[in-house]
């Protein structure tokens, strides 16, 4: 990967991801945009689930706690994103 700026990286993400296709640095300089923003004429979506969830009322269920399979040790003493120290 040979990028010369964060903008080039974002342009590639927008080209490959439908929810970001309408977001460019130029548009962000001119206005506030919220994803999903699926085309250059799309106004953005400031309230993603304001009136309804995209799959009806949503699907929520409890899951059983499962401890992490990998914990910090002498070789790898740092926590990764998503882990908290107790």
PDB file of N, CA and C in Angstrom:
ATOM      1  N   UNK A   1       0.850  -1.170   0.000  1.00  0.00           N
ATOM      2  CA  UNK A   1       0.000   0.000   0.000  1.00  0.00           C
ATOM      3  C   UNK A   1       0.898   1.237   0.000  1.00  0.00           C
ATOM      4  N   UNK A   2       0.600   2.109  -0.914  1.00  0.00           N
ATOM      5  CA  UNK A   2       1.436   3.294  -1.045  1.00  0.00           C
ATOM      6  C   UNK A   2       0.526   4.527  -1.088  1.00  0.00           C
ATOM      7  N   UNK A   3       0.223   5.061   0.079  1.00  0.00           N
ATOM      8  CA  UNK A   3      -0.648   6.233   0.180  1.00  0.00           C
ATOM      9  C   UNK A   3       0.192   7.443   0.563  1.00  0.00           C
ATOM     10  N   UNK A   4      -0.185   8.595   0.055  1.00  0.00           N
ATOM     11  CA  UNK A   4       0.545   9.811   0.411  1.00  0.00           C
ATOM     12  C   UNK A   4      -0.223  10.673   1.400  1.00  0.00           C
ATOM     13  N   UNK A   5      -1.469  10.275   1.734  1.00  0.00           N
ATOM     14  CA  UNK A   5      -2.244  11.069   2.681  1.00  0.00           C
ATOM     15  C   UNK A   5      -3.396  10.246   3.246  1.00  0.00           C
ATOM     16  N   UNK A   6      -3.937  10.732   4.361  1.00  0.00           N
ATOM     17  CA  UNK A   6      -5.127  10.106   4.939  1.00  0.00           C
ATOM     18  C   UNK A   6      -6.309  10.228   3.983  1.00  0.00           C
ATOM     19  N   UNK A   7      -6.348  11.311   3.224  1.00  0.00           N
ATOM     20  CA  UNK A   7      -7.444  11.500   2.270  1.00  0.00           C
ATOM     21  C   UNK A   7      -7.452  10.395   1.217  1.00  0.00           C
ATOM     22  N   UNK A   8      -6.289   9.983   0.734  1.00  0.00           N
ATOM     23  CA  UNK A   8      -6.239   8.889  -0.242  1.00  0.00           C
ATOM     24  C   UNK A   8      -6.772   7.589   0.352  1.00  0.00           C
ATOM     25  N   UNK A   9      -6.448   7.348   1.606  1.00  0.00           N
ATOM     26  CA  UNK A   9      -6.948   6.146   2.272  1.00  0.00           C
ATOM     27  C   UNK A   9      -8.468   6.227   2.397  1.00  0.00           C
ATOM     28  N   UNK A  10      -8.968   7.388   2.826  1.00  0.00           N
ATOM     29  CA  UNK A  10     -10.409   7.536   2.972  1.00  0.00           C
ATOM     30  C   UNK A  10     -11.109   7.404   1.626  1.00  0.00           C
ATOM     31  N   UNK A  11     -10.524   7.956   0.578  1.00  0.00           N
ATOM     32  CA  UNK A  11     -11.120   7.829  -0.762  1.00  0.00           C
ATOM     33  C   UNK A  11     -11.267   6.362  -1.153  1.00  0.00           C
ATOM     34  N   UNK A  12     -10.281   5.545  -0.803  1.00  0.00           N
ATOM     35  CA  UNK A  12     -10.378   4.121  -1.120  1.00  0.00           C
ATOM     36  C   UNK A  12     -11.477   3.450  -0.299  1.00  0.00           C
ATOM     37  N   UNK A  13     -11.561   3.799   0.978  1.00  0.00           N
ATOM     38  CA  UNK A  13     -12.626   3.248   1.822  1.00  0.00           C
ATOM     39  C   UNK A  13     -13.991   3.623   1.235  1.00  0.00           C
ATOM     40  N   UNK A  14     -14.168   4.887   0.870  1.00  0.00           N
ATOM     41  CA  UNK A  14     -15.439   5.347   0.302  1.00  0.00           C
ATOM     42  C   UNK A  14     -15.755   4.637  -1.008  1.00  0.00           C
ATOM     43  N   UNK A  15     -14.750   4.359  -1.802  1.00  0.00           N
ATOM     44  CA  UNK A  15     -14.973   3.671  -3.081  1.00  0.00           C
ATOM     45  C   UNK A  15     -15.413   2.221  -2.874  1.00  0.00           C
ATOM     46  N   UNK A  16     -15.025   1.624  -1.751  1.00  0.00           N
ATOM     47  CA  UNK A  16     -15.300   0.206  -1.515  1.00  0.00           C
ATOM     48  C   UNK A  16     -16.459  -0.057  -0.560  1.00  0.00           C
ATOM     49  N   UNK A  17     -16.943   0.988   0.130  1.00  0.00           N
ATOM     50  CA  UNK A  17     -17.953   0.804   1.171  1.00  0.00           C
ATOM     51  C   UNK A  17     -19.175   1.668   0.873  1.00  0.00           C
ATOM     52  N   UNK A  18     -20.301   1.042   0.616  1.00  0.00           N
ATOM     53  CA  UNK A  18     -21.511   1.772   0.205  1.00  0.00           C
ATOM     54  C   UNK A  18     -21.901   2.855   1.215  1.00  0.00           C
ATOM     55  N   UNK A  19     -21.719   2.607   2.498  1.00  0.00           N
ATOM     56  CA  UNK A  19     -22.141   3.587   3.506  1.00  0.00           C
ATOM     57  C   UNK A  19     -21.300   4.861   3.505  1.00  0.00           C
ATOM     58  N   UNK A  20     -20.156   4.854   2.841  1.00  0.00           N
ATOM     59  CA  UNK A  20     -19.271   6.019   2.806  1.00  0.00           C
ATOM     60  C   UNK A  20     -19.099   6.607   1.406  1.00  0.00           C
ATOM     61  N   UNK A  21     -19.783   6.045   0.405  1.00  0.00           N
ATOM     62  CA  UNK A  21     -19.585   6.487  -0.981  1.00  0.00           C
ATOM     63  C   UNK A  21     -19.834   7.972  -1.193  1.00  0.00           C
ATOM     64  N   UNK A  22     -20.710   8.571  -0.412  1.00  0.00           N
ATOM     65  CA  UNK A  22     -21.036   9.980  -0.590  1.00  0.00           C
ATOM     66  C   UNK A  22     -20.230  10.929   0.274  1.00  0.00           C
ATOM     67  N   UNK A  23     -19.258  10.404   1.024  1.00  0.00           N
ATOM     68  CA  UNK A  23     -18.461  11.248   1.918  1.00  0.00           C
ATOM     69  C   UNK A  23     -17.093  11.494   1.302  1.00  0.00           C
ATOM     70  N   UNK A  24     -16.743  12.750   1.150  1.00  0.00           N
ATOM     71  CA  UNK A  24     -15.422  13.138   0.657  1.00  0.00           C
ATOM     72  C   UNK A  24     -14.868  14.215   1.587  1.00  0.00           C
ATOM     73  N   UNK A  25     -13.573  14.418   1.533  1.00  0.00           N
ATOM     74  CA  UNK A  25     -12.969  15.491   2.329  1.00  0.00           C
ATOM     75  C   UNK A  25     -13.572  16.835   1.938  1.00  0.00           C
ATOM     76  N   UNK A  26     -13.807  17.034   0.646  1.00  0.00           N
ATOM     77  CA  UNK A  26     -14.387  18.298   0.173  1.00  0.00           C
ATOM     78  C   UNK A  26     -15.771  18.529   0.783  1.00  0.00           C
ATOM     79  N   UNK A  27     -16.597  17.494   0.797  1.00  0.00           N
ATOM     80  CA  UNK A  27     -17.936  17.629   1.394  1.00  0.00           C
ATOM     81  C   UNK A  27     -17.843  17.844   2.897  1.00  0.00           C
ATOM     82  N   UNK A  28     -16.910  17.179   3.553  1.00  0.00           N
ATOM     83  CA  UNK A  28     -16.759  17.352   4.995  1.00  0.00           C
ATOM     84  C   UNK A  28     -16.273  18.749   5.351  1.00  0.00           C
ATOM     85  N   UNK A  29     -15.480  19.362   4.479  1.00  0.00           N
ATOM     86  CA  UNK A  29     -15.056  20.749   4.704  1.00  0.00           C
ATOM     87  C   UNK A  29     -16.240  21.707   4.597  1.00  0.00           C
ATOM     88  N   UNK A  30     -17.206  21.357   3.759  1.00  0.00           N
ATOM     89  CA  UNK A  30     -18.342  22.246   3.506  1.00  0.00           C
ATOM     90  C   UNK A  30     -19.514  22.019   4.465  1.00  0.00           C
ATOM     91  N   UNK A  31     -19.645  20.813   5.020  1.00  0.00           N
ATOM     92  CA  UNK A  31     -20.812  20.498   5.846  1.00  0.00           C
ATOM     93  C   UNK A  31     -20.508  19.352   6.782  1.00  0.00           C
ATOM     94  N   UNK A  32     -21.409  19.134   7.713  1.00  0.00           N
ATOM     95  CA  UNK A  32     -21.317  17.988   8.602  1.00  0.00           C
ATOM     96  C   UNK A  32     -22.073  16.835   7.969  1.00  0.00           C
ATOM     97  N   UNK A  33     -21.444  15.673   7.872  1.00  0.00           N
ATOM     98  CA  UNK A  33     -22.089  14.493   7.287  1.00  0.00           C
ATOM     99  C   UNK A  33     -22.017  13.334   8.270  1.00  0.00           C
ATOM    100  N   UNK A  34     -23.040  12.524   8.270  1.00  0.00           N
ATOM    101  CA  UNK A  34     -23.074  11.321   9.090  1.00  0.00           C
ATOM    102  C   UNK A  34     -23.341  10.135   8.172  1.00  0.00           C
ATOM    103  N   UNK A  35     -22.665   9.032   8.438  1.00  0.00           N
ATOM    104  CA  UNK A  35     -22.921   7.823   7.672  1.00  0.00           C
ATOM    105  C   UNK A  35     -24.216   7.195   8.168  1.00  0.00           C
ATOM    106  N   UNK A  36     -24.876   6.392   7.368  1.00  0.00           N
ATOM    107  CA  UNK A  36     -24.566   6.158   5.974  1.00  0.00           C
ATOM    108  C   UNK A  36     -24.864   7.369   5.094  1.00  0.00           C
ATOM    109  N   UNK A  37     -24.017   7.507   4.103  1.00  0.00           N
ATOM    110  CA  UNK A  37     -24.146   8.564   3.103  1.00  0.00           C
ATOM    111  C   UNK A  37     -23.750   7.906   1.786  1.00  0.00           C
ATOM    112  N   UNK A  38     -24.724   7.406   1.071  1.00  0.00           N
ATOM    113  CA  UNK A  38     -24.486   6.446  -0.001  1.00  0.00           C
ATOM    114  C   UNK A  38     -24.212   7.022  -1.387  1.00  0.00           C
ATOM    115  N   UNK A  39     -24.312   8.348  -1.544  1.00  0.00           N
ATOM    116  CA  UNK A  39     -24.005   8.954  -2.843  1.00  0.00           C
ATOM    117  C   UNK A  39     -23.644  10.418  -2.625  1.00  0.00           C
ATOM    118  N   UNK A  40     -23.078  11.036  -3.647  1.00  0.00           N
ATOM    119  CA  UNK A  40     -22.647  12.431  -3.519  1.00  0.00           C
ATOM    120  C   UNK A  40     -23.797  13.407  -3.354  1.00  0.00           C
ATOM    121  N   UNK A  41     -25.018  12.991  -3.713  1.00  0.00           N
ATOM    122  CA  UNK A  41     -26.167  13.877  -3.492  1.00  0.00           C
ATOM    123  C   UNK A  41     -26.970  13.486  -2.250  1.00  0.00           C
ATOM    124  N   UNK A  42     -26.522  12.485  -1.530  1.00  0.00           N
ATOM    125  CA  UNK A  42     -27.179  12.054  -0.290  1.00  0.00           C
ATOM    126  C   UNK A  42     -26.836  13.043   0.827  1.00  0.00           C
ATOM    127  N   UNK A  43     -27.809  13.460   1.654  1.00  0.00           N
ATOM    128  CA  UNK A  43     -27.550  14.452   2.698  1.00  0.00           C
ATOM    129  C   UNK A  43     -26.891  13.892   3.948  1.00  0.00           C
ATOM    130  N   UNK A  44     -26.691  12.591   4.006  1.00  0.00           N
ATOM    131  CA  UNK A  44     -26.168  11.975   5.221  1.00  0.00           C
ATOM    132  C   UNK A  44     -27.324  11.537   6.106  1.00  0.00           C
ATOM    133  N   UNK A  45     -27.018  10.827   7.172  1.00  0.00           N
ATOM    134  CA  UNK A  45     -28.042  10.263   8.040  1.00  0.00           C
ATOM    135  C   UNK A  45     -27.739  10.622   9.483  1.00  0.00           C
ATOM    136  N   UNK A  46     -28.196  11.802   9.940  1.00  0.00           N
ATOM    137  CA  UNK A  46     -27.853  12.222  11.302  1.00  0.00           C
ATOM    138  C   UNK A  46     -28.458  11.342  12.400  1.00  0.00           C
ATOM    139  N   UNK A  47     -29.600  10.679  12.135  1.00  0.00           N
ATOM    140  CA  UNK A  47     -30.227   9.786  13.102  1.00  0.00           C
ATOM    141  C   UNK A  47     -30.412   8.428  12.443  1.00  0.00           C
ATOM    142  N   UNK A  48     -29.496   7.506  12.680  1.00  0.00           N
ATOM    143  CA  UNK A  48     -29.528   6.216  11.991  1.00  0.00           C
ATOM    144  C   UNK A  48     -30.785   5.417  12.304  1.00  0.00           C
ATOM    145  N   UNK A  49     -31.195   5.358  13.545  1.00  0.00           N
ATOM    146  CA  UNK A  49     -32.363   4.553  13.913  1.00  0.00           C
ATOM    147  C   UNK A  49     -33.428   5.418  14.584  1.00  0.00           C
ATOM    148  N   UNK A  50     -33.684   6.600  14.044  1.00  0.00           N
ATOM    149  CA  UNK A  50     -34.632   7.536  14.656  1.00  0.00           C
ATOM    150  C   UNK A  50     -36.057   6.988  14.655  1.00  0.00           C
ATOM    151  N   UNK A  51     -36.539   6.542  13.512  1.00  0.00           N
ATOM    152  CA  UNK A  51     -37.925   6.096  13.403  1.00  0.00           C
ATOM    153  C   UNK A  51     -38.079   4.579  13.451  1.00  0.00           C
ATOM    154  N   UNK A  52     -37.071   3.870  13.056  1.00  0.00           N
ATOM    155  CA  UNK A  52     -37.137   2.410  13.065  1.00  0.00           C
ATOM    156  C   UNK A  52     -35.729   1.834  12.925  1.00  0.00           C
ATOM    157  N   UNK A  53     -35.575   0.574  13.337  1.00  0.00           N
ATOM    158  CA  UNK A  53     -34.331  -0.138  13.099  1.00  0.00           C
ATOM    159  C   UNK A  53     -34.370  -0.676  11.675  1.00  0.00           C
ATOM    160  N   UNK A  54     -33.213  -0.842  11.068  1.00  0.00           N
ATOM    161  CA  UNK A  54     -33.186  -1.317   9.686  1.00  0.00           C
ATOM    162  C   UNK A  54     -33.721  -2.745   9.562  1.00  0.00           C
ATOM    163  N   UNK A  55     -33.747  -3.504  10.656  1.00  0.00           N
ATOM    164  CA  UNK A  55     -34.327  -4.852  10.604  1.00  0.00           C
ATOM    165  C   UNK A  55     -35.528  -4.940  11.535  1.00  0.00           C
ATOM    166  N   UNK A  56     -36.437  -3.998  11.420  1.00  0.00           N
ATOM    167  CA  UNK A  56     -37.642  -4.012  12.251  1.00  0.00           C
ATOM    168  C   UNK A  56     -37.361  -3.428  13.621  1.00  0.00           C
ATOM    169  N   UNK A  57     -37.809  -4.107  14.654  1.00  0.00           N
ATOM    170  CA  UNK A  57     -37.605  -3.616  16.015  1.00  0.00           C
ATOM    171  C   UNK A  57     -36.248  -4.020  16.581  1.00  0.00           C
ATOM    172  N   UNK A  58     -35.429  -4.664  15.795  1.00  0.00           N
ATOM    173  CA  UNK A  58     -34.120  -5.106  16.272  1.00  0.00           C
ATOM    174  C   UNK A  58     -34.200  -6.520  16.809  1.00  0.00           C
ATOM    175  N   UNK A  59     -33.058  -7.109  17.041  1.00  0.00           N
ATOM    176  CA  UNK A  59     -32.980  -8.462  17.567  1.00  0.00           C
ATOM    177  C   UNK A  59     -31.934  -8.447  18.672  1.00  0.00           C
ATOM    178  N   UNK A  60     -32.390  -8.518  19.890  1.00  0.00           N
ATOM    179  CA  UNK A  60     -31.498  -8.499  21.033  1.00  0.00           C
ATOM    180  C   UNK A  60     -31.626  -9.812  21.783  1.00  0.00           C
ATOM    181  N   UNK A  61     -30.516 -10.326  22.264  1.00  0.00           N
ATOM    182  CA  UNK A  61     -30.555 -11.517  23.102  1.00  0.00           C
ATOM    183  C   UNK A  61     -29.295 -11.549  23.965  1.00  0.00           C
ATOM    184  N   UNK A  62     -29.421 -12.185  25.104  1.00  0.00           N
ATOM    185  CA  UNK A  62     -28.285 -12.296  26.016  1.00  0.00           C
ATOM    186  C   UNK A  62     -27.325 -13.372  25.508  1.00  0.00           C
ATOM    187  N   UNK A  63     -26.062 -13.169  25.793  1.00  0.00           N
ATOM    188  CA  UNK A  63     -25.071 -14.192  25.464  1.00  0.00           C
ATOM    189  C   UNK A  63     -24.327 -14.564  26.739  1.00  0.00           C
ATOM    190  N   UNK A  64     -23.827 -15.757  26.777  1.00  0.00           N
ATOM    191  CA  UNK A  64     -23.110 -16.230  27.957  1.00  0.00           C
ATOM    192  C   UNK A  64     -21.707 -15.638  27.973  1.00  0.00           C
ATOM    193  N   UNK A  65     -21.253 -15.197  29.153  1.00  0.00           N
ATOM    194  CA  UNK A  65     -19.913 -14.647  29.302  1.00  0.00           C
ATOM    195  C   UNK A  65     -18.879 -15.731  29.011  1.00  0.00           C
ATOM    196  N   UNK A  66     -17.881 -15.372  28.250  1.00  0.00           N
ATOM    197  CA  UNK A  66     -16.778 -16.280  27.967  1.00  0.00           C
ATOM    198  C   UNK A  66     -15.487 -15.495  28.173  1.00  0.00           C
ATOM    199  N   UNK A  67     -14.628 -15.900  29.091  1.00  0.00           N
ATOM    200  CA  UNK A  67     -13.395 -15.147  29.330  1.00  0.00           C
ATOM    201  C   UNK A  67     -12.476 -15.177  28.106  1.00  0.00           C
ATOM    202  N   UNK A  68     -11.622 -14.195  28.028  1.00  0.00           N
ATOM    203  CA  UNK A  68     -10.693 -14.094  26.913  1.00  0.00           C
ATOM    204  C   UNK A  68      -9.768 -15.306  26.871  1.00  0.00           C
ATOM    205  N   UNK A  69      -9.466 -15.767  25.677  1.00  0.00           N
ATOM    206  CA  UNK A  69      -8.551 -16.891  25.532  1.00  0.00           C
ATOM    207  C   UNK A  69      -7.093 -16.453  25.687  1.00  0.00           C
ATOM    208  N   UNK A  70      -6.825 -15.180  25.491  1.00  0.00           N
ATOM    209  CA  UNK A  70      -5.465 -14.673  25.615  1.00  0.00           C
ATOM    210  C   UNK A  70      -5.445 -13.517  26.590  1.00  0.00           C
ATOM    211  N   UNK A  71      -4.555 -13.597  27.560  1.00  0.00           N
ATOM    212  CA  UNK A  71      -4.385 -12.546  28.548  1.00  0.00           C
ATOM    213  C   UNK A  71      -2.954 -12.025  28.488  1.00  0.00           C
ATOM    214  N   UNK A  72      -2.706 -10.816  28.983  1.00  0.00           N
ATOM    215  CA  UNK A  72      -1.332 -10.303  28.987  1.00  0.00           C
ATOM    216  C   UNK A  72      -0.405 -11.236  29.774  1.00  0.00           C
ATOM    217  N   UNK A  73       0.827 -11.334  29.298  1.00  0.00           N
ATOM    218  CA  UNK A  73       1.847 -12.118  30.003  1.00  0.00           C
ATOM    219  C   UNK A  73       3.184 -11.410  29.830  1.00  0.00           C
ATOM    220  N   UNK A  74       4.271 -12.039  30.220  1.00  0.00           N
ATOM    221  CA  UNK A  74       5.576 -11.382  30.117  1.00  0.00           C
ATOM    222  C   UNK A  74       5.966 -11.106  28.672  1.00  0.00           C
ATOM    223  N   UNK A  75       5.607 -12.010  27.763  1.00  0.00           N
ATOM    224  CA  UNK A  75       5.972 -11.828  26.363  1.00  0.00           C
ATOM    225  C   UNK A  75       5.125 -10.735  25.699  1.00  0.00           C
ATOM    226  N   UNK A  76       3.849 -10.686  26.015  1.00  0.00           N
ATOM    227  CA  UNK A  76       2.921  -9.687  25.470  1.00  0.00           C
ATOM    228  C   UNK A  76       2.186  -9.028  26.639  1.00  0.00           C
ATOM    229  N   UNK A  77       2.804  -7.996  27.263  1.00  0.00           N
ATOM    230  CA  UNK A  77       2.245  -7.437  28.490  1.00  0.00           C
ATOM    231  C   UNK A  77       1.112  -6.420  28.302  1.00  0.00           C
ATOM    232  N   UNK A  78       0.726  -6.110  27.089  1.00  0.00           N
ATOM    233  CA  UNK A  78      -0.289  -5.074  26.863  1.00  0.00           C
ATOM    234  C   UNK A  78      -1.643  -5.670  26.537  1.00  0.00           C
ATOM    235  N   UNK A  79      -2.673  -4.939  26.920  1.00  0.00           N
ATOM    236  CA  UNK A  79      -4.042  -5.301  26.568  1.00  0.00           C
ATOM    237  C   UNK A  79      -4.327  -4.781  25.176  1.00  0.00           C
ATOM    238  N   UNK A  80      -5.138  -5.474  24.424  1.00  0.00           N
ATOM    239  CA  UNK A  80      -5.540  -4.998  23.117  1.00  0.00           C
ATOM    240  C   UNK A  80      -6.851  -4.247  23.241  1.00  0.00           C
ATOM    241  N   UNK A  81      -7.231  -3.540  22.194  1.00  0.00           N
ATOM    242  CA  UNK A  81      -8.491  -2.800  22.199  1.00  0.00           C
ATOM    243  C   UNK A  81      -9.629  -3.758  22.497  1.00  0.00           C
ATOM    244  N   UNK A  82     -10.529  -3.325  23.372  1.00  0.00           N
ATOM    245  CA  UNK A  82     -11.672  -4.162  23.726  1.00  0.00           C
ATOM    246  C   UNK A  82     -11.506  -4.864  25.049  1.00  0.00           C
ATOM    247  N   UNK A  83     -10.302  -4.875  25.608  1.00  0.00           N
ATOM    248  CA  UNK A  83     -10.080  -5.509  26.909  1.00  0.00           C
ATOM    249  C   UNK A  83      -9.945  -4.442  27.986  1.00  0.00           C
ATOM    250  N   UNK A  84     -10.415  -4.753  29.154  1.00  0.00           N
ATOM    251  CA  UNK A  84     -10.281  -3.849  30.298  1.00  0.00           C
ATOM    252  C   UNK A  84      -9.587  -4.564  31.434  1.00  0.00           C
ATOM    253  N   UNK A  85      -8.818  -3.841  32.165  1.00  0.00           N
ATOM    254  CA  UNK A  85      -8.229  -4.415  33.373  1.00  0.00           C
ATOM    255  C   UNK A  85      -9.276  -4.439  34.464  1.00  0.00           C
ATOM    256  N   UNK A  86      -9.297  -5.465  35.243  1.00  0.00           N
ATOM    257  CA  UNK A  86     -10.258  -5.563  36.347  1.00  0.00           C
ATOM    258  C   UNK A  86      -9.716  -4.898  37.582  1.00  0.00           C
TER     259      UNK A  86
END
